[in-house]
C-alpha atoms as a PDB file:
ATOM      1  CA  UNK A   1      18.267  40.675 -60.441  1.00  0.00           C
ATOM      2  CA  UNK A   2      15.589  38.131 -60.738  1.00  0.00           C
ATOM      3  CA  UNK A   3      12.627  37.523 -62.676  1.00  0.00           C
ATOM      4  CA  UNK A   4       9.253  35.861 -62.503  1.00  0.00           C
ATOM      5  CA  UNK A   5       9.127  32.211 -63.380  1.00  0.00           C
ATOM      6  CA  UNK A   6       7.248  32.293 -66.400  1.00  0.00           C
ATOM      7  CA  UNK A   7       5.135  28.968 -64.918  1.00  0.00           C
ATOM      8  CA  UNK A   8       3.252  29.008 -61.798  1.00  0.00           C
ATOM      9  CA  UNK A   9       2.720  25.847 -59.311  1.00  0.00           C
ATOM     10  CA  UNK A  10      -0.097  24.256 -61.349  1.00  0.00           C
ATOM     11  CA  UNK A  11       2.736  23.561 -63.762  1.00  0.00           C
ATOM     12  CA  UNK A  12       4.254  20.750 -61.622  1.00  0.00           C
ATOM     13  CA  UNK A  13       1.106  18.466 -61.409  1.00  0.00           C
ATOM     14  CA  UNK A  14      -2.345  17.685 -61.734  1.00  0.00           C
ATOM     15  CA  UNK A  15      -3.036  17.625 -58.132  1.00  0.00           C
ATOM     16  CA  UNK A  16      -4.253  20.914 -56.851  1.00  0.00           C
ATOM     17  CA  UNK A  17      -2.752  19.642 -53.441  1.00  0.00           C
ATOM     18  CA  UNK A  18       0.762  19.883 -54.649  1.00  0.00           C
ATOM     19  CA  UNK A  19       0.003  23.849 -56.411  1.00  0.00           C
ATOM     20  CA  UNK A  20      -0.945  24.509 -52.930  1.00  0.00           C
ATOM     21  CA  UNK A  21       1.716  23.375 -50.948  1.00  0.00           C
ATOM     22  CA  UNK A  22       4.075  25.018 -53.553  1.00  0.00           C
ATOM     23  CA  UNK A  23       2.220  28.097 -53.151  1.00  0.00           C
ATOM     24  CA  UNK A  24       2.280  28.164 -49.185  1.00  0.00           C
ATOM     25  CA  UNK A  25       6.398  26.937 -49.563  1.00  0.00           C
ATOM     26  CA  UNK A  26       8.361  29.882 -48.457  1.00  0.00           C
ATOM     27  CA  UNK A  27      11.379  27.853 -49.671  1.00  0.00           C
ATOM     28  CA  UNK A  28       9.807  27.289 -53.153  1.00  0.00           C
ATOM     29  CA  UNK A  29      10.611  30.819 -55.318  1.00  0.00           C
ATOM     30  CA  UNK A  30       8.423  32.333 -57.894  1.00  0.00           C
ATOM     31  CA  UNK A  31      11.215  33.818 -59.198  1.00  0.00           C
ATOM     32  CA  UNK A  32      14.606  33.189 -60.747  1.00  0.00           C
ATOM     33  CA  UNK A  33      17.863  35.190 -60.907  1.00  0.00           C
ATOM     34  CA  UNK A  34      19.370  35.828 -64.178  1.00  0.00           C
ATOM     35  CA  UNK A  35      22.865  34.471 -62.810  1.00  0.00           C
ATOM     36  CA  UNK A  36      21.034  31.320 -62.480  1.00  0.00           C
ATOM     37  CA  UNK A  37      19.998  31.703 -65.761  1.00  0.00           C
ATOM     38  CA  UNK A  38      23.393  31.945 -67.041  1.00  0.00           C
ATOM     39  CA  UNK A  39      24.863  29.437 -65.226  1.00  0.00           C
ATOM     40  CA  UNK A  40      22.015  26.905 -66.367  1.00  0.00           C
ATOM     41  CA  UNK A  41      22.169  27.789 -70.073  1.00  0.00           C
ATOM     42  CA  UNK A  42      26.039  27.419 -69.762  1.00  0.00           C
ATOM     43  CA  UNK A  43      25.575  23.861 -68.503  1.00  0.00           C
ATOM     44  CA  UNK A  44      23.273  22.736 -70.966  1.00  0.00           C
ATOM     45  CA  UNK A  45      25.817  23.473 -73.484  1.00  0.00           C
ATOM     46  CA  UNK A  46      28.577  21.511 -71.790  1.00  0.00           C
ATOM     47  CA  UNK A  47      26.010  18.134 -70.868  1.00  0.00           C
ATOM     48  CA  UNK A  48      25.228  18.843 -74.859  1.00  0.00           C
ATOM     49  CA  UNK A  49      28.661  18.727 -75.989  1.00  0.00           C
ATOM     50  CA  UNK A  50      29.504  15.486 -73.543  1.00  0.00           C
ATOM     51  CA  UNK A  51      26.464  13.517 -74.395  1.00  0.00           C
ATOM     52  CA  UNK A  52      28.552  11.285 -76.390  1.00  0.00           C
ATOM     53  CA  UNK A  53      30.722  10.491 -73.504  1.00  0.00           C
ATOM     54  CA  UNK A  54      28.010   8.822 -71.302  1.00  0.00           C
ATOM     55  CA  UNK A  55      28.746   5.400 -70.646  1.00  0.00           C
ATOM     56  CA  UNK A  56      26.526   4.789 -67.609  1.00  0.00           C
ATOM     57  CA  UNK A  57      22.967   3.201 -67.838  1.00  0.00           C
ATOM     58  CA  UNK A  58      20.461   5.998 -67.522  1.00  0.00           C
ATOM     59  CA  UNK A  59      16.806   6.800 -66.826  1.00  0.00           C
ATOM     60  CA  UNK A  60      15.117   9.550 -68.216  1.00  0.00           C
ATOM     61  CA  UNK A  61      11.534  10.399 -67.280  1.00  0.00           C
ATOM     62  CA  UNK A  62       9.390  12.895 -68.424  1.00  0.00           C
ATOM     63  CA  UNK A  63       5.820  14.089 -68.484  1.00  0.00           C
ATOM     64  CA  UNK A  64       4.714  14.685 -72.184  1.00  0.00           C
ATOM     65  CA  UNK A  65       2.580  17.872 -70.863  1.00  0.00           C
ATOM     66  CA  UNK A  66       5.506  19.288 -68.696  1.00  0.00           C
ATOM     67  CA  UNK A  67       5.152  23.215 -69.088  1.00  0.00           C
ATOM     68  CA  UNK A  68       8.288  23.896 -68.115  1.00  0.00           C
ATOM     69  CA  UNK A  69      10.429  21.733 -69.974  1.00  0.00           C
ATOM     70  CA  UNK A  70       9.510  20.389 -73.378  1.00  0.00           C
ATOM     71  CA  UNK A  71       9.420  16.744 -73.703  1.00  0.00           C
ATOM     72  CA  UNK A  72      11.256  17.237 -77.225  1.00  0.00           C
ATOM     73  CA  UNK A  73      14.344  18.190 -74.840  1.00  0.00           C
ATOM     74  CA  UNK A  74      14.812  14.838 -73.801  1.00  0.00           C
ATOM     75  CA  UNK A  75      13.913  13.147 -77.009  1.00  0.00           C
ATOM     76  CA  UNK A  76      18.197  13.144 -78.061  1.00  0.00           C
ATOM     77  CA  UNK A  77      18.772  11.442 -74.633  1.00  0.00           C
ATOM     78  CA  UNK A  78      16.387   8.487 -75.713  1.00  0.00           C
ATOM     79  CA  UNK A  79      18.678   7.701 -78.536  1.00  0.00           C
ATOM     80  CA  UNK A  80      21.332   7.248 -77.239  1.00  0.00           C
ATOM     81  CA  UNK A  81      22.924   3.682 -76.129  1.00  0.00           C
ATOM     82  CA  UNK A  82      22.308   2.620 -72.596  1.00  0.00           C
ATOM     83  CA  UNK A  83      19.671   4.862 -71.779  1.00  0.00           C
ATOM     84  CA  UNK A  84      15.897   4.382 -71.524  1.00  0.00           C
ATOM     85  CA  UNK A  85      13.507   7.024 -71.940  1.00  0.00           C
ATOM     86  CA  UNK A  86      10.138   6.889 -70.473  1.00  0.00           C
ATOM     87  CA  UNK A  87       7.440   9.586 -71.380  1.00  0.00           C
ATOM     88  CA  UNK A  88       4.110   9.940 -69.255  1.00  0.00           C
ATOM     89  CA  UNK A  89       1.152  11.044 -71.221  1.00  0.00           C
ATOM     90  CA  UNK A  90      -0.562  13.977 -69.729  1.00  0.00           C
ATOM     91  CA  UNK A  91       1.795  14.114 -66.661  1.00  0.00           C
ATOM     92  CA  UNK A  92       3.413  17.387 -66.161  1.00  0.00           C
ATOM     93  CA  UNK A  93       6.617  18.543 -64.214  1.00  0.00           C
ATOM     94  CA  UNK A  94       7.026  16.597 -61.284  1.00  0.00           C
ATOM     95  CA  UNK A  95       6.215  13.216 -62.490  1.00  0.00           C
ATOM     96  CA  UNK A  96       6.163  11.538 -58.951  1.00  0.00           C
ATOM     97  CA  UNK A  97       4.280  13.915 -57.321  1.00  0.00           C
ATOM     98  CA  UNK A  98       1.162  13.243 -60.127  1.00  0.00           C
ATOM     99  CA  UNK A  99      -1.844  11.356 -59.241  1.00  0.00           C
ATOM    100  CA  UNK A 100       0.005   8.610 -61.566  1.00  0.00           C
ATOM    101  CA  UNK A 101       2.953   8.876 -59.075  1.00  0.00           C
ATOM    102  CA  UNK A 102       2.867   5.265 -57.643  1.00  0.00           C
ATOM    103  CA  UNK A 103       2.936   4.253 -61.359  1.00  0.00           C
ATOM    104  CA  UNK A 104       6.195   6.052 -61.985  1.00  0.00           C
ATOM    105  CA  UNK A 105       7.622   4.778 -59.090  1.00  0.00           C
ATOM    106  CA  UNK A 106       6.848   1.521 -59.961  1.00  0.00           C
ATOM    107  CA  UNK A 107       8.619   1.903 -63.495  1.00  0.00           C
ATOM    108  CA  UNK A 108      11.404   3.524 -62.001  1.00  0.00           C
ATOM    109  CA  UNK A 109      11.916   0.190 -59.211  1.00  0.00           C
ATOM    110  CA  UNK A 110      11.703  -2.147 -62.328  1.00  0.00           C
ATOM    111  CA  UNK A 111      14.547  -0.644 -64.493  1.00  0.00           C
ATOM    112  CA  UNK A 112      16.757  -0.255 -61.287  1.00  0.00           C
ATOM    113  CA  UNK A 113      15.718  -4.160 -60.752  1.00  0.00           C
ATOM    114  CA  UNK A 114      16.807  -4.809 -64.310  1.00  0.00           C
ATOM    115  CA  UNK A 115      19.323  -2.893 -63.949  1.00  0.00           C
ATOM    116  CA  UNK A 116      20.507  -4.990 -61.057  1.00  0.00           C
ATOM    117  CA  UNK A 117      19.707  -8.471 -62.588  1.00  0.00           C
ATOM    118  CA  UNK A 118      16.770  -8.768 -60.681  1.00  0.00           C
ATOM    119  CA  UNK A 119      12.991  -9.231 -60.885  1.00  0.00           C
ATOM    120  CA  UNK A 120      11.362  -6.577 -62.519  1.00  0.00           C
ATOM    121  CA  UNK A 121       8.683  -6.514 -59.475  1.00  0.00           C
END
Protein backbone atom coordinates (compact mmCIF):
# COMPACT_ATOMS: atom_id res chain seq x y z
CA UNK A 1 0.00 0.00 0.00
CA UNK A 2 1.14 3.53 -0.67
CA UNK A 3 0.25 7.01 0.47
CA UNK A 4 1.07 10.31 -1.20
CA UNK A 5 3.97 12.24 0.27
CA UNK A 6 2.83 15.14 2.41
CA UNK A 7 5.11 17.53 0.51
CA UNK A 8 5.72 18.59 -3.04
CA UNK A 9 8.90 19.26 -4.99
CA UNK A 10 9.02 22.85 -3.73
CA UNK A 11 9.73 21.52 -0.22
CA UNK A 12 13.23 20.55 -1.32
CA UNK A 13 14.64 23.93 -2.35
CA UNK A 14 13.71 27.56 -2.93
CA UNK A 15 15.17 27.15 -6.43
CA UNK A 16 12.14 26.52 -8.68
CA UNK A 17 14.36 24.65 -11.15
CA UNK A 18 15.03 21.98 -8.51
CA UNK A 19 11.28 21.48 -8.07
CA UNK A 20 10.73 21.26 -11.83
CA UNK A 21 13.56 18.72 -12.19
CA UNK A 22 12.12 16.56 -9.40
CA UNK A 23 8.61 16.72 -10.87
CA UNK A 24 9.95 15.67 -14.29
CA UNK A 25 12.16 12.85 -12.98
CA UNK A 26 10.35 9.48 -13.13
CA UNK A 27 12.70 8.13 -10.45
CA UNK A 28 11.54 10.75 -7.92
CA UNK A 29 8.43 9.28 -6.39
CA UNK A 30 5.55 11.30 -5.01
CA UNK A 31 4.29 8.52 -2.75
CA UNK A 32 5.71 6.26 -0.07
CA UNK A 33 4.94 2.70 0.91
CA UNK A 34 3.64 1.92 4.36
CA UNK A 35 6.41 -0.63 4.71
CA UNK A 36 9.07 2.03 4.12
CA UNK A 37 7.39 4.19 6.75
CA UNK A 38 7.40 1.36 9.28
CA UNK A 39 11.05 0.53 8.59
CA UNK A 40 12.02 4.20 8.85
CA UNK A 41 10.26 4.64 12.20
CA UNK A 42 11.89 1.47 13.55
CA UNK A 43 15.31 2.72 12.40
CA UNK A 44 14.71 6.06 14.11
CA UNK A 45 14.04 4.27 17.38
CA UNK A 46 17.27 2.29 17.06
CA UNK A 47 19.28 5.39 16.22
CA UNK A 48 17.82 7.36 19.13
CA UNK A 49 18.63 4.51 21.51
CA UNK A 50 22.21 4.31 20.27
CA UNK A 51 23.13 8.01 20.11
CA UNK A 52 25.26 7.84 23.25
CA UNK A 53 27.50 5.30 21.49
CA UNK A 54 28.43 7.74 18.71
CA UNK A 55 32.22 7.99 18.83
CA UNK A 56 33.24 9.63 15.56
CA UNK A 57 33.27 13.28 14.60
CA UNK A 58 30.01 14.03 12.87
CA UNK A 59 28.70 16.99 10.90
CA UNK A 60 24.96 17.64 10.78
CA UNK A 61 23.58 20.29 8.42
CA UNK A 62 19.96 21.37 8.42
CA UNK A 63 17.95 24.13 6.80
CA UNK A 64 15.70 25.77 9.37
CA UNK A 65 12.91 26.14 6.80
CA UNK A 66 12.88 22.40 6.01
CA UNK A 67 9.19 21.44 5.75
CA UNK A 68 9.97 17.71 5.58
CA UNK A 69 12.14 17.23 8.69
CA UNK A 70 11.81 19.81 11.43
CA UNK A 71 15.05 21.52 12.40
CA UNK A 72 14.21 20.53 15.99
CA UNK A 73 14.75 16.89 14.97
CA UNK A 74 18.53 17.38 14.89
CA UNK A 75 18.86 19.47 18.07
CA UNK A 76 19.71 16.45 20.21
CA UNK A 77 22.50 15.50 17.81
CA UNK A 78 24.04 18.94 18.19
CA UNK A 79 24.33 18.43 21.93
CA UNK A 80 26.46 15.30 21.61
CA UNK A 81 30.23 15.43 22.06
CA UNK A 82 32.04 15.36 18.73
CA UNK A 83 29.02 16.55 16.75
CA UNK A 84 29.00 19.86 14.89
CA UNK A 85 25.51 20.98 13.92
CA UNK A 86 25.11 23.77 11.40
CA UNK A 87 21.70 25.24 10.72
CA UNK A 88 20.97 27.49 7.79
CA UNK A 89 18.29 30.19 8.05
CA UNK A 90 15.69 30.00 5.31
CA UNK A 91 17.08 26.87 3.65
CA UNK A 92 14.85 23.88 2.93
CA UNK A 93 15.42 20.12 2.87
CA UNK A 94 18.15 19.85 0.21
CA UNK A 95 20.59 22.46 1.49
CA UNK A 96 23.09 21.70 -1.27
CA UNK A 97 20.44 22.35 -3.93
CA UNK A 98 19.51 25.74 -2.51
CA UNK A 99 20.72 28.98 -4.10
CA UNK A 100 23.00 29.20 -1.02
CA UNK A 101 24.33 25.68 -1.72
CA UNK A 102 27.91 26.79 -2.49
CA UNK A 103 28.17 28.33 1.01
CA UNK A 104 26.96 25.05 2.54
CA UNK A 105 29.56 23.14 0.50
CA UNK A 106 32.24 25.57 1.70
CA UNK A 107 31.20 24.90 5.32
CA UNK A 108 31.38 21.15 4.75
CA UNK A 109 34.82 21.41 3.13
CA UNK A 110 36.06 23.60 6.00
CA UNK A 111 34.73 21.10 8.56
CA UNK A 112 36.32 18.14 6.74
CA UNK A 113 39.61 20.01 6.45
CA UNK A 114 39.58 20.81 10.17
CA UNK A 115 38.91 17.15 10.94
CA UNK A 116 41.90 16.18 8.81
CA UNK A 117 44.07 18.78 10.50
CA UNK A 118 44.42 20.91 7.37
CA UNK A 119 43.63 24.52 6.56
CA UNK A 120 39.98 25.54 6.70
CA UNK A 121 39.82 27.04 3.21
